[in-house]
């Protein structure tokens, strides 16, 4: 790792701010592989009061807005750090107990304002799904039965993940290039609020956890592998470690913080990854991996269902607004997801546990708003997707 050079004092303040905030909320520091001495320093000191951290985040924003070259920080780094620190002002204030409206929180932290999707779009999706879904009877029952019939047998899940990851890794390397020595380990876990998680450990290594609290479904497995590994989170982290941290000394990239705009672009590009890698209809490619393993997967039906239900992913954003802006209780949010996402109760409850988690309550906008923003900006151009994997961009730049 290169020593701190340009902008080192300000970057060190930013890293310390993130690490100190992480002492107040488990999971807020998603990844850290920066100077070990800073982590040891924060671990050894008394926990810094949230009021002091709000003030320090505000000072960082003011310094980044001020005159001068800030020890050589170029305009791009300055803009990125300013957006990050603005998000941390709100994150720290929210942790302190300040009254901040949910939509204001999302906009300040992630750079987009959540939008409520009209329910007539969901009703139209239901009508389209009714046309393509096999069987007869009430739609929610048919959809639930069909989805759960696509469960990957537990004894074949590891092989299915490995097969998809090997293919997607080769395609990612050919399309965008992967650093020599990068590596991903997959593991199966329980008792988590999410379906998958990338733990980036630095040194070009990731540990990807797949939650098996509920059966993993074959229509979502390829997206999960692409999102967490190739060409998603692991690819972005490892390329930025080499390109920005090692080559250019941008140590601000060695920390990944929930409650900041970098999350929105990270989730948006990760959700877009499978589409960029194998096209808008990945089902034939996925079938080549799952059929030899006797994993249930009818590519034609999966494709028709995916097209019909593409707007239903935004139901989660409405459910978050229902919870945090309208004051609904969790049972109402579960019922909303059961009705409009057509989820069985166990899966709706799992989704609400994510929306209610203190770390992740506003994070859903990173998916709901991040994907369309990244898709529109990339516009089908792989070179632009490569920029998302390599450059310190902000949502405002993509919106411009």
Protein backbone atom coordinates (compact mmCIF):
# COMPACT_ATOMS: atom_id res chain seq x y z
CA UNK A 1 0.00 0.00 0.00
CA UNK A 2 1.33 3.44 -0.90
CA UNK A 3 1.90 5.93 1.92
CA UNK A 4 -0.47 8.87 2.27
CA UNK A 5 0.69 11.75 0.08
CA UNK A 6 -1.67 14.22 -1.60
CA UNK A 7 -4.46 15.30 0.74
CA UNK A 8 -3.18 12.95 3.42
CA UNK A 9 -4.32 14.99 6.43
CA UNK A 10 -7.87 15.38 5.18
CA UNK A 11 -8.09 11.77 4.01
CA UNK A 12 -6.86 10.59 7.41
CA UNK A 13 -9.59 12.65 9.08
CA UNK A 14 -12.16 11.02 6.79
CA UNK A 15 -10.93 7.51 7.60
CA UNK A 16 -10.93 8.25 11.32
CA UNK A 17 -14.44 9.69 11.10
CA UNK A 18 -15.74 6.54 9.40
CA UNK A 19 -14.01 4.20 11.84
CA UNK A 20 -15.25 6.17 14.84
CA UNK A 21 -18.82 6.17 13.55
CA UNK A 22 -18.51 2.44 13.09
CA UNK A 23 -18.03 2.09 16.85
CA UNK A 24 -21.63 3.30 17.26
CA UNK A 25 -23.39 1.03 14.74
CA UNK A 26 -22.40 -2.49 13.82
CA UNK A 27 -22.09 -2.89 10.06
CA UNK A 28 -21.74 0.80 9.24
CA UNK A 29 -18.12 0.11 8.22
CA UNK A 30 -18.83 -2.37 5.44
CA UNK A 31 -15.14 -2.83 4.61
CA UNK A 32 -11.80 -1.41 5.75
CA UNK A 33 -8.33 -2.31 4.53
CA UNK A 34 -6.61 1.01 5.13
CA UNK A 35 -3.70 1.80 7.45
CA UNK A 36 -3.87 -0.69 10.34
CA UNK A 37 -2.51 1.93 12.75
CA UNK A 38 -5.66 4.03 12.31
CA UNK A 39 -7.91 1.07 13.07
CA UNK A 40 -5.86 0.19 16.15
CA UNK A 41 -5.98 3.81 17.30
CA UNK A 42 -9.77 3.97 17.07
CA UNK A 43 -10.22 0.59 18.74
CA UNK A 44 -8.02 1.63 21.66
CA UNK A 45 -9.56 5.03 22.33
CA UNK A 46 -12.83 5.74 24.18
CA UNK A 47 -15.83 5.88 21.87
CA UNK A 48 -16.08 9.43 20.52
CA UNK A 49 -19.41 11.12 21.25
CA UNK A 50 -21.80 11.39 18.32
CA UNK A 51 -22.07 15.16 18.75
CA UNK A 52 -18.33 15.45 18.16
CA UNK A 53 -18.59 13.22 15.08
CA UNK A 54 -21.44 15.32 13.64
CA UNK A 55 -19.25 18.40 14.13
CA UNK A 56 -16.21 16.76 12.54
CA UNK A 57 -18.21 15.59 9.52
CA UNK A 58 -19.56 19.14 9.12
CA UNK A 59 -16.02 20.56 9.36
CA UNK A 60 -14.85 18.19 6.67
CA UNK A 61 -17.66 19.34 4.36
CA UNK A 62 -16.76 22.97 5.04
CA UNK A 63 -13.07 22.34 4.39
CA UNK A 64 -13.86 20.56 1.13
CA UNK A 65 -16.05 23.50 0.09
CA UNK A 66 -13.36 26.02 1.01
CA UNK A 67 -10.62 27.65 -1.05
CA UNK A 68 -7.19 26.21 -1.72
CA UNK A 69 -5.92 22.94 -3.14
CA UNK A 70 -6.27 20.94 0.11
CA UNK A 71 -2.76 19.52 -0.04
CA UNK A 72 -3.09 18.61 -3.69
CA UNK A 73 -6.47 16.88 -3.76
CA UNK A 74 -7.71 17.06 -7.34
CA UNK A 75 -11.27 18.12 -8.18
CA UNK A 76 -12.50 14.55 -8.62
CA UNK A 77 -11.30 13.35 -5.22
CA UNK A 78 -12.53 16.52 -3.60
CA UNK A 79 -16.02 16.11 -5.11
CA UNK A 80 -16.22 12.44 -4.08
CA UNK A 81 -15.05 13.06 -0.52
CA UNK A 82 -17.43 15.99 -0.14
CA UNK A 83 -20.40 13.79 -1.12
CA UNK A 84 -19.25 11.09 1.30
CA UNK A 85 -18.81 13.51 4.21
CA UNK A 86 -22.20 15.12 3.57
CA UNK A 87 -23.77 11.68 3.91
CA UNK A 88 -21.88 11.07 7.14
CA UNK A 89 -23.19 14.33 8.64
CA UNK A 90 -26.71 12.90 8.35
CA UNK A 91 -25.67 9.39 9.37
CA UNK A 92 -24.05 10.70 12.56
CA UNK A 93 -26.94 13.05 13.31
CA UNK A 94 -29.45 10.24 12.86
CA UNK A 95 -27.45 8.03 15.23
CA UNK A 96 -27.42 10.89 17.73
CA UNK A 97 -31.21 10.85 17.67
CA UNK A 98 -31.87 13.94 15.56
CA UNK A 99 -35.33 14.03 13.99
CA UNK A 100 -34.70 13.61 10.27
CA UNK A 101 -37.45 12.65 7.85
CA UNK A 102 -36.94 9.38 6.03
CA UNK A 103 -36.87 10.85 2.52
CA UNK A 104 -34.51 13.60 3.65
CA UNK A 105 -32.26 10.96 5.24
CA UNK A 106 -32.12 8.93 2.02
CA UNK A 107 -31.44 11.98 -0.14
CA UNK A 108 -28.69 13.30 2.12
CA UNK A 109 -26.99 9.95 2.60
CA UNK A 110 -27.33 8.43 -0.85
CA UNK A 111 -27.79 11.33 -3.26
CA UNK A 112 -31.29 10.43 -4.50
CA UNK A 113 -34.77 11.08 -3.16
CA UNK A 114 -36.97 7.99 -2.82
CA UNK A 115 -39.99 7.92 -5.08
CA UNK A 116 -43.26 6.16 -4.36
CA UNK A 117 -44.18 3.95 -7.31
CA UNK A 118 -47.87 4.00 -8.30
CA UNK A 119 -49.57 0.76 -7.40
CA UNK A 120 -51.25 0.55 -10.80
CA UNK A 121 -47.81 -0.48 -12.14
CA UNK A 122 -47.83 -3.41 -9.76
CA UNK A 123 -51.37 -4.29 -10.80
CA UNK A 124 -50.25 -4.26 -14.46
CA UNK A 125 -47.37 -6.57 -13.55
CA UNK A 126 -49.81 -8.92 -11.85
CA UNK A 127 -51.94 -9.01 -15.00
CA UNK A 128 -48.89 -9.75 -17.15
CA UNK A 129 -47.73 -12.45 -14.76
CA UNK A 130 -51.16 -14.05 -14.80
CA UNK A 131 -50.78 -14.51 -18.56
CA UNK A 132 -47.39 -16.25 -18.46
CA UNK A 133 -47.42 -18.19 -15.19
CA UNK A 134 -48.19 -21.92 -15.46
CA UNK A 135 -51.20 -23.42 -13.71
CA UNK A 136 -54.50 -22.03 -12.58
CA UNK A 137 -56.02 -20.56 -9.46
CA UNK A 138 -55.30 -17.41 -7.43
CA UNK A 139 -52.23 -15.58 -8.72
CA UNK A 140 -50.40 -15.24 -5.41
CA UNK A 141 -50.75 -18.95 -4.69
CA UNK A 142 -49.63 -19.95 -8.18
CA UNK A 143 -46.67 -17.58 -8.07
CA UNK A 144 -45.62 -18.75 -4.62
CA UNK A 145 -45.93 -22.39 -5.61
CA UNK A 146 -43.95 -21.82 -8.80
CA UNK A 147 -41.19 -19.85 -7.03
CA UNK A 148 -40.70 -22.35 -4.24
CA UNK A 149 -40.58 -25.19 -6.79
CA UNK A 150 -37.47 -23.49 -8.18
CA UNK A 151 -35.51 -24.01 -4.95
CA UNK A 152 -31.94 -25.13 -5.51
CA UNK A 153 -31.39 -28.44 -3.67
CA UNK A 154 -29.05 -27.68 -0.76
CA UNK A 155 -26.59 -30.42 -1.75
CA UNK A 156 -26.20 -28.82 -5.21
CA UNK A 157 -26.07 -25.17 -4.19
CA UNK A 158 -22.31 -25.04 -3.78
CA UNK A 159 -21.69 -26.63 -7.19
CA UNK A 160 -24.18 -24.28 -8.86
CA UNK A 161 -22.53 -21.22 -7.32
CA UNK A 162 -19.06 -22.43 -8.31
CA UNK A 163 -20.10 -23.13 -11.90
CA UNK A 164 -21.72 -19.72 -12.36
CA UNK A 165 -18.85 -17.90 -10.64
CA UNK A 166 -16.22 -19.56 -12.82
CA UNK A 167 -18.05 -18.55 -16.00
CA UNK A 168 -18.81 -15.01 -14.85
CA UNK A 169 -15.22 -14.53 -13.70
CA UNK A 170 -13.90 -15.45 -17.15
CA UNK A 171 -16.40 -13.17 -18.88
CA UNK A 172 -15.59 -10.31 -16.50
CA UNK A 173 -11.86 -10.71 -17.04
CA UNK A 174 -12.30 -10.69 -20.81
CA UNK A 175 -14.66 -7.68 -20.82
CA UNK A 176 -13.10 -5.47 -18.12
CA UNK A 177 -9.95 -7.09 -16.79
CA UNK A 178 -9.40 -8.49 -13.31
CA UNK A 179 -6.34 -7.85 -11.15
CA UNK A 180 -3.89 -10.72 -10.94
CA UNK A 181 -4.34 -12.61 -7.70
CA UNK A 182 -7.95 -11.61 -6.96
CA UNK A 183 -10.02 -14.30 -5.29
CA UNK A 184 -13.53 -14.93 -3.94
CA UNK A 185 -14.56 -17.46 -1.31
CA UNK A 186 -18.26 -18.35 -1.01
CA UNK A 187 -19.87 -19.49 2.23
CA UNK A 188 -23.40 -20.35 3.34
CA UNK A 189 -24.74 -18.55 6.44
CA UNK A 190 -27.93 -18.14 8.48
CA UNK A 191 -29.62 -15.55 10.67
CA UNK A 192 -28.89 -12.51 8.52
CA UNK A 193 -31.36 -9.87 7.22
CA UNK A 194 -29.97 -9.95 3.66
CA UNK A 195 -29.81 -12.63 0.93
CA UNK A 196 -26.13 -12.17 0.09
CA UNK A 197 -23.21 -10.08 1.30
CA UNK A 198 -19.71 -9.31 0.06
CA UNK A 199 -17.13 -8.98 2.81
CA UNK A 200 -14.19 -7.34 1.06
CA UNK A 201 -11.07 -8.09 3.07
CA UNK A 202 -8.48 -6.17 1.07
CA UNK A 203 -5.57 -7.78 -0.71
CA UNK A 204 -7.93 -8.44 -3.64
CA UNK A 205 -9.89 -11.00 -1.63
CA UNK A 206 -13.61 -11.24 -0.89
CA UNK A 207 -15.70 -13.54 1.26
CA UNK A 208 -19.21 -13.79 -0.17
CA UNK A 209 -21.89 -15.02 2.24
CA UNK A 210 -25.11 -16.52 0.86
CA UNK A 211 -28.00 -16.62 3.33
CA UNK A 212 -29.81 -19.95 3.43
CA UNK A 213 -32.43 -19.07 6.06
CA UNK A 214 -34.88 -19.60 3.20
CA UNK A 215 -34.32 -21.83 0.17
CA UNK A 216 -32.21 -20.17 -2.54
CA UNK A 217 -34.24 -19.98 -5.75
CA UNK A 218 -32.72 -20.84 -9.12
CA UNK A 219 -34.15 -17.79 -10.99
CA UNK A 220 -32.25 -15.44 -8.63
CA UNK A 221 -29.00 -17.38 -8.20
CA UNK A 222 -27.10 -16.03 -11.22
CA UNK A 223 -28.00 -12.47 -10.30
CA UNK A 224 -26.80 -13.11 -6.75
CA UNK A 225 -23.41 -14.42 -7.94
CA UNK A 226 -22.98 -11.59 -10.44
CA UNK A 227 -24.04 -8.97 -7.90
CA UNK A 228 -21.71 -10.06 -5.11
CA UNK A 229 -18.71 -11.22 -7.16
CA UNK A 230 -18.34 -10.92 -10.94
CA UNK A 231 -18.77 -8.23 -12.23
CA UNK A 232 -20.30 -6.71 -9.07
CA UNK A 233 -18.95 -5.86 -5.63
CA UNK A 234 -15.78 -7.96 -5.63
CA UNK A 235 -14.83 -6.75 -9.09
CA UNK A 236 -15.37 -3.10 -8.16
CA UNK A 237 -13.46 -3.39 -4.87
CA UNK A 238 -10.50 -5.25 -6.35
CA UNK A 239 -10.16 -2.99 -9.41
CA UNK A 240 -10.30 0.12 -7.24
CA UNK A 241 -7.79 -1.33 -4.80
CA UNK A 242 -5.28 -1.73 -7.63
CA UNK A 243 -6.17 1.30 -9.75
CA UNK A 244 -6.97 3.92 -7.12
CA UNK A 245 -5.33 2.78 -3.89
CA UNK A 246 -2.11 1.07 -4.96
CA UNK A 247 -1.33 3.10 -8.07
CA UNK A 248 -2.64 6.53 -7.07
CA UNK A 249 -2.60 6.48 -3.28
CA UNK A 250 -6.34 7.24 -2.86
CA UNK A 251 -6.63 5.80 0.63
CA UNK A 252 -10.17 7.13 1.00
CA UNK A 253 -11.15 4.09 -1.12
CA UNK A 254 -9.94 1.70 1.60
CA UNK A 255 -13.10 2.26 3.64
CA UNK A 256 -16.64 1.48 2.50
CA UNK A 257 -19.30 3.16 4.61
CA UNK A 258 -23.04 2.56 4.79
CA UNK A 259 -24.93 5.86 4.69
CA UNK A 260 -22.89 7.36 1.85
CA UNK A 261 -23.37 7.83 -1.91
CA UNK A 262 -20.73 5.22 -2.79
CA UNK A 263 -23.29 2.61 -1.70
CA UNK A 264 -25.88 3.70 -4.23
CA UNK A 265 -23.51 3.36 -7.18
CA UNK A 266 -22.04 0.12 -5.82
CA UNK A 267 -25.48 -1.50 -5.57
CA UNK A 268 -26.66 -0.03 -8.87
CA UNK A 269 -23.70 -1.35 -10.84
CA UNK A 270 -23.86 -4.71 -9.05
CA UNK A 271 -27.55 -5.09 -9.94
CA UNK A 272 -26.71 -4.16 -13.56
CA UNK A 273 -23.78 -6.55 -13.75
CA UNK A 274 -25.50 -9.70 -15.05
CA UNK A 275 -27.23 -7.73 -17.80
CA UNK A 276 -23.96 -6.14 -18.91
CA UNK A 277 -22.13 -9.46 -18.79
CA UNK A 278 -24.52 -11.77 -20.69
CA UNK A 279 -27.28 -9.53 -22.08
CA UNK A 280 -30.81 -8.59 -21.14
CA UNK A 281 -31.95 -12.22 -21.23
CA UNK A 282 -29.40 -14.31 -19.33
CA UNK A 283 -31.63 -17.37 -18.95
CA UNK A 284 -30.07 -19.56 -21.71
CA UNK A 285 -26.60 -19.03 -20.22
CA UNK A 286 -27.83 -19.78 -16.71
CA UNK A 287 -29.58 -22.94 -17.91
CA UNK A 288 -26.27 -24.30 -19.24
CA UNK A 289 -24.98 -24.31 -15.65
CA UNK A 290 -28.05 -25.46 -13.76
CA UNK A 291 -29.46 -28.22 -15.97
CA UNK A 292 -26.40 -30.53 -15.68
CA UNK A 293 -26.80 -30.29 -11.91
CA UNK A 294 -30.49 -31.23 -12.09
CA UNK A 295 -31.45 -27.88 -10.61
CA UNK A 296 -35.03 -26.94 -11.56
CA UNK A 297 -34.84 -24.16 -14.15
CA UNK A 298 -37.05 -23.69 -17.20
CA UNK A 299 -35.31 -20.89 -19.08
CA UNK A 300 -38.34 -19.94 -21.18
CA UNK A 301 -40.71 -19.68 -18.23
CA UNK A 302 -38.13 -17.90 -16.08
CA UNK A 303 -37.61 -15.32 -18.84
CA UNK A 304 -41.33 -14.69 -19.27
CA UNK A 305 -41.84 -14.35 -15.53
CA UNK A 306 -38.85 -11.99 -15.23
CA UNK A 307 -40.22 -9.68 -17.92
CA UNK A 308 -43.69 -9.67 -16.38
CA UNK A 309 -42.48 -8.95 -12.84
CA UNK A 310 -39.63 -6.50 -13.48
CA UNK A 311 -41.46 -3.60 -11.80
CA UNK A 312 -42.19 -5.60 -8.63
CA UNK A 313 -38.67 -5.04 -7.26
CA UNK A 314 -39.73 -1.45 -6.53
CA UNK A 315 -42.45 -2.62 -4.12
CA UNK A 316 -39.71 -2.77 -1.45
CA UNK A 317 -39.16 0.97 -1.78
CA UNK A 318 -42.85 1.63 -1.22
CA UNK A 319 -42.79 -0.68 1.81
CA UNK A 320 -39.88 1.30 3.28
CA UNK A 321 -41.81 4.55 2.86
CA UNK A 322 -44.84 2.88 4.43
CA UNK A 323 -42.76 1.94 7.47
CA UNK A 324 -40.59 4.99 7.95
CA UNK A 325 -42.61 7.85 6.50
CA UNK A 326 -46.21 6.78 6.95
CA UNK A 327 -45.68 5.20 10.37
CA UNK A 328 -47.04 1.76 9.50
CA UNK A 329 -46.15 -1.15 11.76
CA UNK A 330 -44.12 -4.13 10.49
CA UNK A 331 -47.19 -6.32 10.07
CA UNK A 332 -48.70 -3.76 7.67
CA UNK A 333 -45.46 -3.72 5.67
CA UNK A 334 -45.44 -7.52 5.54
CA UNK A 335 -49.04 -7.49 4.28
CA UNK A 336 -48.13 -4.87 1.67
CA UNK A 337 -45.30 -7.04 0.34
CA UNK A 338 -47.52 -10.11 0.37
CA UNK A 339 -50.12 -8.27 -1.67
CA UNK A 340 -48.00 -6.41 -4.22
CA UNK A 341 -44.77 -8.45 -4.39
CA UNK A 342 -46.80 -11.67 -4.20
CA UNK A 343 -44.37 -13.00 -1.61
CA UNK A 344 -45.22 -15.77 0.82
CA UNK A 345 -45.30 -14.56 4.39
CA UNK A 346 -41.88 -15.96 5.37
CA UNK A 347 -40.15 -14.10 2.53
CA UNK A 348 -42.14 -10.91 3.19
CA UNK A 349 -41.11 -11.05 6.85
CA UNK A 350 -37.46 -11.50 5.85
CA UNK A 351 -37.71 -8.45 3.58
CA UNK A 352 -39.25 -6.35 6.37
CA UNK A 353 -36.49 -7.43 8.77
CA UNK A 354 -34.02 -5.83 6.34
CA UNK A 355 -36.12 -2.68 5.99
CA UNK A 356 -36.37 -2.41 9.79
CA UNK A 357 -32.72 -3.10 10.62
CA UNK A 358 -30.98 -0.02 12.13
CA UNK A 359 -28.05 -0.32 9.73
CA UNK A 360 -30.08 -0.99 6.59
CA UNK A 361 -33.42 0.86 7.05
CA UNK A 362 -32.76 3.47 4.35
CA UNK A 363 -30.44 1.30 2.25
CA UNK A 364 -33.20 -0.13 0.06
CA UNK A 365 -33.05 3.03 -2.09
CA UNK A 366 -29.56 1.99 -3.19
CA UNK A 367 -31.22 -0.86 -5.09
CA UNK A 368 -34.52 0.73 -6.09
CA UNK A 369 -32.93 3.98 -7.30
CA UNK A 370 -29.37 2.81 -7.98
CA UNK A 371 -30.14 0.33 -10.76
CA UNK A 372 -32.14 2.68 -13.03
CA UNK A 373 -29.59 5.47 -12.48
CA UNK A 374 -26.64 3.24 -13.43
CA UNK A 375 -28.52 1.59 -16.31
CA UNK A 376 -29.46 4.98 -17.81
CA UNK A 377 -25.92 6.32 -17.46
CA UNK A 378 -24.25 3.21 -18.88
CA UNK A 379 -26.73 3.17 -21.79
CA UNK A 380 -25.54 -0.23 -22.99
CA UNK A 381 -21.92 0.94 -23.30
CA UNK A 382 -19.52 -1.54 -21.60
CA UNK A 383 -16.86 1.17 -21.40
CA UNK A 384 -19.13 3.22 -19.16
CA UNK A 385 -19.74 0.22 -16.94
CA UNK A 386 -15.97 -0.14 -16.75
CA UNK A 387 -15.78 3.43 -15.49
CA UNK A 388 -18.22 2.59 -12.69
CA UNK A 389 -15.90 -0.25 -11.72
CA UNK A 390 -12.81 1.95 -11.73
CA UNK A 391 -13.54 5.61 -11.01
CA UNK A 392 -14.70 7.52 -7.89
CA UNK A 393 -18.00 8.79 -9.35
CA UNK A 394 -20.99 10.26 -7.49
CA UNK A 395 -24.75 10.01 -8.12
CA UNK A 396 -24.78 13.71 -9.01
CA UNK A 397 -22.33 13.06 -11.85
CA UNK A 398 -24.54 10.33 -13.27
CA UNK A 399 -27.60 12.56 -12.94
CA UNK A 400 -25.96 15.53 -14.70
